[in-house]
Amino acid sequence: MRLLATVVVSAAALVATGAGSSAPSAPAAAAARVCKPTDVAVNIQILGDRTWGWTIGRYRAIPEHVTTIAVWSKGGPPETQGVAAYGWATRTRSAFFEKCAPGRAARQPAGNLGPAVRVKDGWFAGRKFTCVEPGRVVVAISDTRSGKRVTVRVQKTGKLLALGEITTGGGWLRGSKSCRDSEK
């Protein structure tokens, strides 16, 4: 009986840890912050290198030459050249604006997003989605098996503004069709 209990407990432990599973892992619980925009527009941007075409090119907290997804607007502190970076992520790092508070969206309905824009590390290319007057936004960043996932929603309605992921060597971003998109 003792041997049977040991086998059952060992098998349960293997199943719980996912040993032998080839299925992709679900994202871990997201760290989320509610941010009140400091400007009329919120920008959600993916870049292969932050030094290309981004107002915050001198923002040294974000490493150069790696894919980055950032949620930002103007009206930030002087030390970041007036840019408020509400949340940003690379494959291995992420951070939130100090004036954003922990929180989440009221609901999480499915979104109406455009096609994915893809970039690779070091590319001087990217895409920016500008959402005008969205109200408070929720920036959620979660770990995935191979990097980070970034989700941006309107706090009050839960409307999905953008969804993106950064993995080894690059990433992708899909923006809401209600936001204006541009190269820079």
N, C-alpha and C. Protein backbone atom coordinates (compact mmCIF):
# COMPACT_ATOMS: atom_id res chain seq x y z
N MET A 1 0.83 -1.19 0.00
CA MET A 1 0.00 0.00 0.00
C MET A 1 0.87 1.26 0.00
N ARG A 2 1.94 1.22 0.81
CA ARG A 2 2.84 2.36 0.88
C ARG A 2 3.50 2.61 -0.49
N LEU A 3 3.88 1.54 -1.21
CA LEU A 3 4.49 1.66 -2.53
C LEU A 3 3.50 2.28 -3.51
N LEU A 4 2.23 1.86 -3.45
CA LEU A 4 1.20 2.42 -4.32
C LEU A 4 1.02 3.92 -4.06
N ALA A 5 1.00 4.33 -2.81
CA ALA A 5 0.86 5.75 -2.46
C ALA A 5 2.04 6.55 -2.99
N THR A 6 3.24 6.00 -2.89
CA THR A 6 4.43 6.69 -3.39
C THR A 6 4.36 6.87 -4.90
N VAL A 7 3.91 5.84 -5.63
CA VAL A 7 3.79 5.93 -7.08
C VAL A 7 2.75 6.97 -7.47
N VAL A 8 1.61 6.97 -6.78
CA VAL A 8 0.55 7.93 -7.08
C VAL A 8 1.02 9.36 -6.81
N VAL A 9 1.71 9.59 -5.69
CA VAL A 9 2.21 10.92 -5.37
C VAL A 9 3.26 11.36 -6.40
N SER A 10 4.16 10.46 -6.79
CA SER A 10 5.19 10.80 -7.79
C SER A 10 4.56 11.13 -9.14
N ALA A 11 3.56 10.36 -9.55
CA ALA A 11 2.89 10.63 -10.82
C ALA A 11 2.16 11.97 -10.77
N ALA A 12 1.53 12.27 -9.66
CA ALA A 12 0.84 13.55 -9.51
C ALA A 12 1.83 14.71 -9.58
N ALA A 13 3.00 14.53 -8.98
CA ALA A 13 4.02 15.59 -9.02
C ALA A 13 4.51 15.81 -10.45
N LEU A 14 4.69 14.75 -11.22
CA LEU A 14 5.11 14.90 -12.62
C LEU A 14 4.06 15.64 -13.44
N VAL A 15 2.80 15.31 -13.23
CA VAL A 15 1.73 15.97 -13.96
C VAL A 15 1.67 17.44 -13.56
N ALA A 16 1.80 17.74 -12.28
CA ALA A 16 1.71 19.12 -11.80
C ALA A 16 2.83 19.99 -12.36
N THR A 17 4.02 19.42 -12.55
CA THR A 17 5.13 20.22 -13.06
C THR A 17 5.17 20.25 -14.57
N GLY A 18 4.33 19.45 -15.21
CA GLY A 18 4.27 19.47 -16.66
C GLY A 18 5.39 18.70 -17.32
N ALA A 19 6.00 17.78 -16.64
CA ALA A 19 7.09 17.01 -17.21
C ALA A 19 6.62 16.27 -18.44
N GLY A 20 7.40 16.35 -19.49
CA GLY A 20 7.07 15.65 -20.72
C GLY A 20 6.06 16.38 -21.59
N SER A 21 5.59 17.53 -21.17
CA SER A 21 4.59 18.26 -21.94
C SER A 21 5.25 19.09 -23.02
N SER A 22 4.72 19.02 -24.24
CA SER A 22 5.26 19.85 -25.31
C SER A 22 4.34 21.01 -25.62
N ALA A 23 3.24 21.14 -24.92
CA ALA A 23 2.31 22.24 -25.15
C ALA A 23 2.90 23.54 -24.64
N PRO A 24 2.65 24.64 -25.34
CA PRO A 24 3.18 25.92 -24.87
C PRO A 24 2.55 26.29 -23.54
N SER A 25 3.32 26.95 -22.72
CA SER A 25 2.81 27.34 -21.42
C SER A 25 1.95 28.59 -21.55
N ALA A 26 0.95 28.68 -20.71
CA ALA A 26 0.12 29.88 -20.67
C ALA A 26 0.92 30.99 -20.00
N PRO A 27 0.59 32.24 -20.30
CA PRO A 27 1.33 33.31 -19.65
C PRO A 27 1.11 33.29 -18.15
N ALA A 28 2.13 33.67 -17.40
CA ALA A 28 2.02 33.77 -15.96
C ALA A 28 1.09 34.94 -15.63
N ALA A 29 0.69 35.02 -14.37
CA ALA A 29 -0.17 36.12 -13.96
C ALA A 29 0.50 37.44 -14.34
N ALA A 30 -0.27 38.32 -14.89
CA ALA A 30 0.28 39.58 -15.39
C ALA A 30 0.42 40.60 -14.26
N ALA A 31 1.50 41.37 -14.34
CA ALA A 31 1.63 42.55 -13.51
C ALA A 31 0.90 43.64 -14.29
N ALA A 32 -0.06 44.29 -13.68
CA ALA A 32 -0.87 45.29 -14.39
C ALA A 32 -0.88 46.60 -13.62
N ARG A 33 -0.88 47.70 -14.39
CA ARG A 33 -0.93 49.03 -13.79
C ARG A 33 -1.96 49.86 -14.54
N VAL A 34 -2.68 50.67 -13.79
CA VAL A 34 -3.64 51.60 -14.35
C VAL A 34 -2.95 52.95 -14.45
N CYS A 35 -3.00 53.55 -15.64
CA CYS A 35 -2.28 54.79 -15.87
C CYS A 35 -3.23 55.85 -16.41
N LYS A 36 -3.16 57.05 -15.84
CA LYS A 36 -3.92 58.19 -16.35
C LYS A 36 -3.02 58.90 -17.34
N PRO A 37 -3.41 58.94 -18.62
CA PRO A 37 -2.55 59.58 -19.62
C PRO A 37 -2.25 61.04 -19.28
N THR A 38 -1.02 61.44 -19.55
CA THR A 38 -0.60 62.82 -19.31
C THR A 38 -0.82 63.68 -20.55
N ASP A 39 -1.31 63.10 -21.63
CA ASP A 39 -1.56 63.80 -22.88
C ASP A 39 -2.85 63.25 -23.48
N VAL A 40 -3.34 63.88 -24.54
CA VAL A 40 -4.58 63.48 -25.18
C VAL A 40 -4.45 62.13 -25.90
N ALA A 41 -3.24 61.75 -26.29
CA ALA A 41 -3.04 60.51 -27.05
C ALA A 41 -2.10 59.57 -26.31
N VAL A 42 -2.39 58.28 -26.41
CA VAL A 42 -1.52 57.23 -25.88
C VAL A 42 -0.95 56.46 -27.07
N ASN A 43 0.36 56.27 -27.06
CA ASN A 43 1.04 55.56 -28.14
C ASN A 43 1.43 54.17 -27.67
N ILE A 44 1.18 53.19 -28.51
CA ILE A 44 1.59 51.81 -28.24
C ILE A 44 2.49 51.44 -29.40
N GLN A 45 3.75 51.13 -29.10
CA GLN A 45 4.74 51.03 -30.17
C GLN A 45 5.63 49.81 -30.00
N ILE A 46 5.97 49.18 -31.15
CA ILE A 46 6.95 48.11 -31.18
C ILE A 46 8.12 48.57 -32.05
N LEU A 47 9.32 48.31 -31.58
CA LEU A 47 10.53 48.69 -32.30
C LEU A 47 11.57 47.58 -32.18
N GLY A 48 12.36 47.39 -33.23
CA GLY A 48 13.47 46.47 -33.16
C GLY A 48 14.66 47.07 -32.46
N ASP A 49 14.70 48.41 -32.36
CA ASP A 49 15.77 49.13 -31.70
C ASP A 49 15.18 50.46 -31.24
N ARG A 50 15.18 50.73 -29.95
CA ARG A 50 14.52 51.93 -29.42
C ARG A 50 15.14 53.22 -29.92
N THR A 51 16.35 53.19 -30.46
CA THR A 51 17.00 54.42 -30.91
C THR A 51 16.50 54.88 -32.26
N TRP A 52 15.62 54.09 -32.91
CA TRP A 52 15.10 54.47 -34.22
C TRP A 52 13.69 55.02 -34.10
N GLY A 53 13.51 56.26 -34.51
CA GLY A 53 12.18 56.81 -34.71
C GLY A 53 11.26 56.89 -33.53
N TRP A 54 11.78 56.90 -32.35
CA TRP A 54 10.92 56.96 -31.19
C TRP A 54 11.28 58.21 -30.42
N THR A 55 10.31 58.96 -30.00
CA THR A 55 10.54 60.19 -29.26
C THR A 55 11.44 59.95 -28.05
N ILE A 56 11.41 58.77 -27.51
CA ILE A 56 12.14 58.47 -26.29
C ILE A 56 13.49 57.79 -26.58
N GLY A 57 14.06 58.06 -27.73
CA GLY A 57 15.30 57.43 -28.15
C GLY A 57 16.44 57.53 -27.15
N ARG A 58 16.44 58.57 -26.33
CA ARG A 58 17.50 58.73 -25.33
C ARG A 58 17.10 58.17 -23.97
N TYR A 59 16.00 57.48 -23.89
CA TYR A 59 15.51 56.90 -22.64
C TYR A 59 16.34 55.66 -22.33
N ARG A 60 17.38 55.82 -21.53
CA ARG A 60 18.40 54.80 -21.33
C ARG A 60 17.95 53.59 -20.51
N ALA A 61 16.81 53.65 -19.87
CA ALA A 61 16.33 52.50 -19.11
C ALA A 61 16.03 51.32 -20.02
N ILE A 62 15.66 51.62 -21.27
CA ILE A 62 15.35 50.56 -22.24
C ILE A 62 16.61 50.26 -23.04
N PRO A 63 17.06 49.01 -23.07
CA PRO A 63 18.28 48.68 -23.81
C PRO A 63 18.16 48.95 -25.31
N GLU A 64 19.29 49.26 -25.94
CA GLU A 64 19.34 49.46 -27.38
C GLU A 64 19.41 48.11 -28.09
N HIS A 65 19.04 48.10 -29.38
CA HIS A 65 19.23 46.97 -30.29
C HIS A 65 18.43 45.72 -29.94
N VAL A 66 17.40 45.83 -29.11
CA VAL A 66 16.53 44.69 -28.82
C VAL A 66 15.08 45.12 -29.04
N THR A 67 14.25 44.16 -29.39
CA THR A 67 12.84 44.44 -29.62
C THR A 67 12.20 44.94 -28.33
N THR A 68 11.41 46.00 -28.47
CA THR A 68 10.75 46.63 -27.33
C THR A 68 9.31 46.95 -27.70
N ILE A 69 8.40 46.71 -26.77
CA ILE A 69 7.04 47.22 -26.87
C ILE A 69 6.90 48.25 -25.76
N ALA A 70 6.43 49.44 -26.10
CA ALA A 70 6.29 50.50 -25.11
C ALA A 70 4.93 51.17 -25.25
N VAL A 71 4.38 51.58 -24.11
CA VAL A 71 3.13 52.32 -24.05
C VAL A 71 3.50 53.67 -23.44
N TRP A 72 3.27 54.77 -24.20
CA TRP A 72 3.78 56.06 -23.75
C TRP A 72 2.96 57.21 -24.31
N SER A 73 3.20 58.38 -23.76
CA SER A 73 2.65 59.62 -24.30
C SER A 73 3.57 60.77 -23.90
N LYS A 74 3.26 61.93 -24.38
CA LYS A 74 4.02 63.12 -23.99
C LYS A 74 3.48 63.60 -22.65
N GLY A 75 4.22 64.53 -22.02
CA GLY A 75 3.78 65.06 -20.74
C GLY A 75 4.47 64.43 -19.56
N GLY A 76 5.55 63.70 -19.80
CA GLY A 76 6.29 63.06 -18.73
C GLY A 76 7.35 63.96 -18.13
N PRO A 77 8.19 63.42 -17.25
CA PRO A 77 9.19 64.21 -16.55
C PRO A 77 10.34 64.65 -17.46
N PRO A 78 11.02 65.73 -17.08
CA PRO A 78 12.14 66.25 -17.89
C PRO A 78 13.27 65.23 -18.09
N GLU A 79 13.52 64.38 -17.12
CA GLU A 79 14.62 63.41 -17.25
C GLU A 79 14.38 62.37 -18.35
N THR A 80 13.15 62.27 -18.84
CA THR A 80 12.87 61.38 -19.98
C THR A 80 12.46 62.19 -21.21
N GLN A 81 12.95 63.42 -21.29
CA GLN A 81 12.64 64.32 -22.39
C GLN A 81 11.14 64.53 -22.57
N GLY A 82 10.40 64.53 -21.46
CA GLY A 82 8.96 64.80 -21.51
C GLY A 82 8.10 63.62 -21.91
N VAL A 83 8.65 62.42 -21.92
CA VAL A 83 7.89 61.24 -22.30
C VAL A 83 7.48 60.47 -21.05
N ALA A 84 6.21 60.12 -20.97
CA ALA A 84 5.70 59.27 -19.89
C ALA A 84 5.58 57.85 -20.44
N ALA A 85 6.51 56.99 -20.07
CA ALA A 85 6.49 55.59 -20.52
C ALA A 85 5.70 54.79 -19.49
N TYR A 86 4.41 54.56 -19.75
CA TYR A 86 3.53 53.90 -18.78
C TYR A 86 3.94 52.46 -18.52
N GLY A 87 4.43 51.81 -19.54
CA GLY A 87 4.93 50.46 -19.39
C GLY A 87 5.74 50.10 -20.62
N TRP A 88 6.81 49.32 -20.43
CA TRP A 88 7.60 48.85 -21.56
C TRP A 88 8.14 47.48 -21.23
N ALA A 89 8.45 46.73 -22.30
CA ALA A 89 8.98 45.39 -22.10
C ALA A 89 9.93 45.02 -23.23
N THR A 90 10.98 44.32 -22.87
CA THR A 90 11.83 43.61 -23.81
C THR A 90 11.61 42.14 -23.49
N ARG A 91 12.34 41.26 -24.12
CA ARG A 91 12.15 39.83 -23.86
C ARG A 91 12.46 39.47 -22.40
N THR A 92 13.42 40.19 -21.79
CA THR A 92 13.87 39.81 -20.44
C THR A 92 13.59 40.85 -19.36
N ARG A 93 13.18 42.06 -19.76
CA ARG A 93 12.99 43.13 -18.77
C ARG A 93 11.68 43.87 -19.03
N SER A 94 11.18 44.51 -17.97
CA SER A 94 9.99 45.35 -18.12
C SER A 94 9.94 46.33 -16.96
N ALA A 95 9.16 47.40 -17.14
CA ALA A 95 9.00 48.39 -16.08
C ALA A 95 7.72 49.18 -16.32
N PHE A 96 7.27 49.85 -15.27
CA PHE A 96 6.09 50.69 -15.33
C PHE A 96 6.42 52.10 -14.86
N PHE A 97 5.63 53.07 -15.31
CA PHE A 97 5.75 54.46 -14.90
C PHE A 97 5.40 54.54 -13.42
N GLU A 98 6.18 55.28 -12.66
CA GLU A 98 5.99 55.34 -11.21
C GLU A 98 4.63 55.93 -10.80
N LYS A 99 4.00 56.71 -11.66
CA LYS A 99 2.71 57.30 -11.32
C LYS A 99 1.52 56.40 -11.64
N CYS A 100 1.76 55.25 -12.21
CA CYS A 100 0.69 54.28 -12.47
C CYS A 100 0.46 53.45 -11.22
N ALA A 101 -0.78 53.06 -10.98
CA ALA A 101 -1.14 52.30 -9.78
C ALA A 101 -1.56 50.88 -10.15
N PRO A 102 -1.35 49.92 -9.25
CA PRO A 102 -1.82 48.56 -9.53
C PRO A 102 -3.32 48.57 -9.79
N GLY A 103 -3.77 47.75 -10.71
CA GLY A 103 -5.19 47.66 -11.03
C GLY A 103 -5.41 46.82 -12.26
N ARG A 104 -6.67 46.75 -12.68
CA ARG A 104 -7.01 45.98 -13.88
C ARG A 104 -8.22 46.58 -14.56
N ALA A 105 -8.49 46.08 -15.75
CA ALA A 105 -9.64 46.56 -16.52
C ALA A 105 -10.93 46.02 -15.91
N ALA A 106 -12.02 46.76 -16.09
CA ALA A 106 -13.32 46.36 -15.55
C ALA A 106 -13.75 45.02 -16.13
N ARG A 107 -13.55 44.85 -17.44
CA ARG A 107 -13.90 43.61 -18.12
C ARG A 107 -12.77 43.29 -19.08
N GLN A 108 -12.82 42.13 -19.70
CA GLN A 108 -11.80 41.76 -20.68
C GLN A 108 -12.45 41.16 -21.92
N PRO A 109 -13.22 41.97 -22.65
CA PRO A 109 -13.86 41.44 -23.86
C PRO A 109 -12.83 41.22 -24.97
N ALA A 110 -13.18 40.38 -25.92
CA ALA A 110 -12.31 40.17 -27.08
C ALA A 110 -12.20 41.49 -27.84
N GLY A 111 -11.11 41.67 -28.55
CA GLY A 111 -10.89 42.93 -29.24
C GLY A 111 -11.00 42.80 -30.75
N ASN A 112 -11.01 43.95 -31.41
CA ASN A 112 -11.03 44.01 -32.87
C ASN A 112 -9.68 44.57 -33.30
N LEU A 113 -8.70 43.69 -33.44
CA LEU A 113 -7.34 44.11 -33.71
C LEU A 113 -6.96 43.89 -35.17
N GLY A 114 -6.06 44.72 -35.64
CA GLY A 114 -5.54 44.57 -37.00
C GLY A 114 -4.50 43.45 -37.05
N PRO A 115 -3.89 43.26 -38.23
CA PRO A 115 -2.89 42.20 -38.37
C PRO A 115 -1.63 42.51 -37.57
N ALA A 116 -0.88 41.48 -37.29
CA ALA A 116 0.35 41.62 -36.51
C ALA A 116 1.44 42.32 -37.32
N VAL A 117 2.15 43.21 -36.64
CA VAL A 117 3.35 43.84 -37.18
C VAL A 117 4.52 43.13 -36.51
N ARG A 118 5.45 42.62 -37.30
CA ARG A 118 6.58 41.86 -36.75
C ARG A 118 7.89 42.61 -36.96
N VAL A 119 8.76 42.54 -35.94
CA VAL A 119 10.11 43.11 -36.06
C VAL A 119 11.10 42.12 -35.46
N LYS A 120 12.37 42.32 -35.79
CA LYS A 120 13.45 41.52 -35.23
C LYS A 120 14.39 42.42 -34.46
N ASP A 121 15.12 41.84 -33.51
CA ASP A 121 16.09 42.60 -32.74
C ASP A 121 17.04 43.35 -33.65
N GLY A 122 17.28 44.63 -33.34
CA GLY A 122 18.21 45.44 -34.09
C GLY A 122 17.65 46.11 -35.32
N TRP A 123 16.44 45.75 -35.74
CA TRP A 123 15.84 46.38 -36.92
C TRP A 123 15.53 47.84 -36.63
N PHE A 124 15.84 48.70 -37.57
CA PHE A 124 15.40 50.09 -37.48
C PHE A 124 14.03 50.17 -38.15
N ALA A 125 13.07 49.52 -37.54
CA ALA A 125 11.72 49.46 -38.07
C ALA A 125 10.76 49.23 -36.91
N GLY A 126 9.50 49.49 -37.15
CA GLY A 126 8.50 49.27 -36.13
C GLY A 126 7.17 49.85 -36.53
N ARG A 127 6.26 49.94 -35.58
CA ARG A 127 4.93 50.45 -35.84
C ARG A 127 4.43 51.10 -34.56
N LYS A 128 3.69 52.20 -34.71
CA LYS A 128 3.12 52.91 -33.58
C LYS A 128 1.61 53.02 -33.78
N PHE A 129 0.87 52.68 -32.75
CA PHE A 129 -0.59 52.84 -32.75
C PHE A 129 -0.91 53.98 -31.77
N THR A 130 -1.56 55.02 -32.26
CA THR A 130 -1.90 56.18 -31.45
C THR A 130 -3.39 56.17 -31.18
N CYS A 131 -3.74 56.08 -29.90
CA CYS A 131 -5.14 56.02 -29.48
C CYS A 131 -5.48 57.36 -28.82
N VAL A 132 -6.44 58.09 -29.38
CA VAL A 132 -6.80 59.42 -28.90
C VAL A 132 -7.89 59.33 -27.84
N GLU A 133 -7.66 60.01 -26.73
CA GLU A 133 -8.58 60.10 -25.60
C GLU A 133 -9.17 58.76 -25.15
N PRO A 134 -8.32 57.80 -24.83
CA PRO A 134 -8.88 56.53 -24.37
C PRO A 134 -9.32 56.54 -22.91
N GLY A 135 -8.94 57.55 -22.14
CA GLY A 135 -9.19 57.53 -20.70
C GLY A 135 -8.06 56.75 -20.04
N ARG A 136 -8.30 56.33 -18.80
CA ARG A 136 -7.27 55.56 -18.09
C ARG A 136 -7.03 54.24 -18.83
N VAL A 137 -5.75 53.86 -18.95
CA VAL A 137 -5.41 52.62 -19.63
C VAL A 137 -4.78 51.65 -18.63
N VAL A 138 -4.95 50.37 -18.91
CA VAL A 138 -4.34 49.32 -18.11
C VAL A 138 -3.27 48.66 -18.97
N VAL A 139 -2.04 48.70 -18.50
CA VAL A 139 -0.92 48.05 -19.17
C VAL A 139 -0.60 46.80 -18.35
N ALA A 140 -0.71 45.65 -18.98
CA ALA A 140 -0.42 44.37 -18.31
C ALA A 140 0.75 43.70 -19.02
N ILE A 141 1.73 43.27 -18.25
CA ILE A 141 2.90 42.59 -18.79
C ILE A 141 3.05 41.26 -18.07
N SER A 142 3.10 40.19 -18.85
CA SER A 142 3.23 38.86 -18.25
C SER A 142 4.37 38.10 -18.90
N ASP A 143 4.92 37.15 -18.16
CA ASP A 143 5.97 36.29 -18.67
C ASP A 143 5.34 35.16 -19.48
N THR A 144 5.98 34.80 -20.58
CA THR A 144 5.61 33.62 -21.35
C THR A 144 6.81 32.69 -21.35
N ARG A 145 6.68 31.55 -21.94
CA ARG A 145 7.77 30.59 -21.98
C ARG A 145 9.02 31.20 -22.62
N SER A 146 8.83 32.04 -23.64
CA SER A 146 10.00 32.55 -24.37
C SER A 146 10.17 34.06 -24.29
N GLY A 147 9.44 34.75 -23.43
CA GLY A 147 9.62 36.20 -23.35
C GLY A 147 8.54 36.89 -22.54
N LYS A 148 7.96 37.94 -23.12
CA LYS A 148 6.95 38.74 -22.43
C LYS A 148 5.75 38.99 -23.34
N ARG A 149 4.59 39.11 -22.75
CA ARG A 149 3.37 39.48 -23.46
C ARG A 149 2.88 40.80 -22.87
N VAL A 150 2.49 41.73 -23.75
CA VAL A 150 2.00 43.04 -23.33
C VAL A 150 0.56 43.19 -23.82
N THR A 151 -0.33 43.56 -22.91
CA THR A 151 -1.74 43.80 -23.23
C THR A 151 -2.11 45.19 -22.75
N VAL A 152 -2.80 45.95 -23.59
CA VAL A 152 -3.23 47.30 -23.22
C VAL A 152 -4.74 47.39 -23.42
N ARG A 153 -5.43 47.82 -22.37
CA ARG A 153 -6.89 47.94 -22.39
C ARG A 153 -7.31 49.29 -21.81
N VAL A 154 -8.53 49.71 -22.14
CA VAL A 154 -9.15 50.87 -21.51
C VAL A 154 -9.70 50.36 -20.17
N GLN A 155 -9.38 51.06 -19.08
CA GLN A 155 -9.79 50.57 -17.76
C GLN A 155 -11.31 50.47 -17.61
N LYS A 156 -12.03 51.52 -17.99
CA LYS A 156 -13.47 51.58 -17.73
C LYS A 156 -14.26 50.52 -18.49
N THR A 157 -13.95 50.33 -19.77
CA THR A 157 -14.74 49.42 -20.60
C THR A 157 -14.07 48.06 -20.84
N GLY A 158 -12.76 48.02 -20.65
CA GLY A 158 -12.02 46.79 -20.95
C GLY A 158 -11.65 46.66 -22.42
N LYS A 159 -12.00 47.67 -23.23
CA LYS A 159 -11.70 47.61 -24.66
C LYS A 159 -10.22 47.32 -24.89
N LEU A 160 -9.94 46.35 -25.75
CA LEU A 160 -8.58 45.96 -26.06
C LEU A 160 -7.98 46.94 -27.06
N LEU A 161 -6.89 47.60 -26.68
CA LEU A 161 -6.21 48.55 -27.56
C LEU A 161 -5.04 47.90 -28.29
N ALA A 162 -4.35 46.97 -27.64
CA ALA A 162 -3.21 46.31 -28.29
C ALA A 162 -2.83 45.05 -27.54
N LEU A 163 -2.22 44.14 -28.30
CA LEU A 163 -1.70 42.90 -27.75
C LEU A 163 -0.42 42.58 -28.51
N GLY A 164 0.63 42.27 -27.79
CA GLY A 164 1.90 41.96 -28.45
C GLY A 164 2.72 40.99 -27.62
N GLU A 165 3.74 40.45 -28.26
CA GLU A 165 4.62 39.51 -27.58
C GLU A 165 6.04 39.69 -28.07
N ILE A 166 6.97 39.56 -27.15
CA ILE A 166 8.39 39.65 -27.47
C ILE A 166 9.01 38.30 -27.14
N THR A 167 9.66 37.70 -28.13
CA THR A 167 10.29 36.40 -27.96
C THR A 167 11.75 36.50 -28.36
N THR A 168 12.45 35.40 -28.34
CA THR A 168 13.85 35.39 -28.71
C THR A 168 14.02 35.93 -30.13
N GLY A 169 14.78 36.99 -30.27
CA GLY A 169 15.10 37.53 -31.58
C GLY A 169 14.12 38.51 -32.18
N GLY A 170 12.96 38.76 -31.56
CA GLY A 170 12.00 39.69 -32.16
C GLY A 170 10.67 39.69 -31.45
N GLY A 171 9.63 40.13 -32.18
CA GLY A 171 8.31 40.17 -31.57
C GLY A 171 7.26 40.65 -32.54
N TRP A 172 6.03 40.76 -32.05
CA TRP A 172 4.90 41.21 -32.86
C TRP A 172 3.97 42.05 -32.00
N LEU A 173 3.16 42.88 -32.68
CA LEU A 173 2.19 43.72 -32.01
C LEU A 173 0.97 43.87 -32.91
N ARG A 174 -0.21 43.74 -32.33
CA ARG A 174 -1.47 43.97 -33.03
C ARG A 174 -2.17 45.12 -32.32
N GLY A 175 -2.58 46.15 -33.08
CA GLY A 175 -3.24 47.31 -32.50
C GLY A 175 -4.71 47.36 -32.88
N SER A 176 -5.46 48.07 -32.07
CA SER A 176 -6.90 48.24 -32.32
C SER A 176 -7.11 49.00 -33.62
N LYS A 177 -8.14 48.62 -34.34
CA LYS A 177 -8.48 49.31 -35.59
C LYS A 177 -8.99 50.72 -35.31
N SER A 178 -9.36 51.02 -34.06
CA SER A 178 -9.81 52.36 -33.72
C SER A 178 -8.66 53.32 -33.43
N CYS A 179 -7.43 52.79 -33.39
CA CYS A 179 -6.25 53.63 -33.16
C CYS A 179 -5.55 53.88 -34.50
N ARG A 180 -4.98 55.06 -34.66
CA ARG A 180 -4.26 55.41 -35.88
C ARG A 180 -2.89 54.75 -35.85
N ASP A 181 -2.51 54.11 -36.97
CA ASP A 181 -1.19 53.49 -37.00
C ASP A 181 -0.27 54.23 -37.95
N SER A 182 1.00 54.20 -37.60
CA SER A 182 2.02 54.86 -38.42
C SER A 182 3.36 54.18 -38.20
N GLU A 183 4.29 54.46 -39.10
CA GLU A 183 5.60 53.84 -38.99
C GLU A 183 6.39 54.41 -37.83
N LYS A 184 6.30 55.73 -37.62
CA LYS A 184 7.03 56.37 -36.51
C LYS A 184 6.08 57.11 -35.61
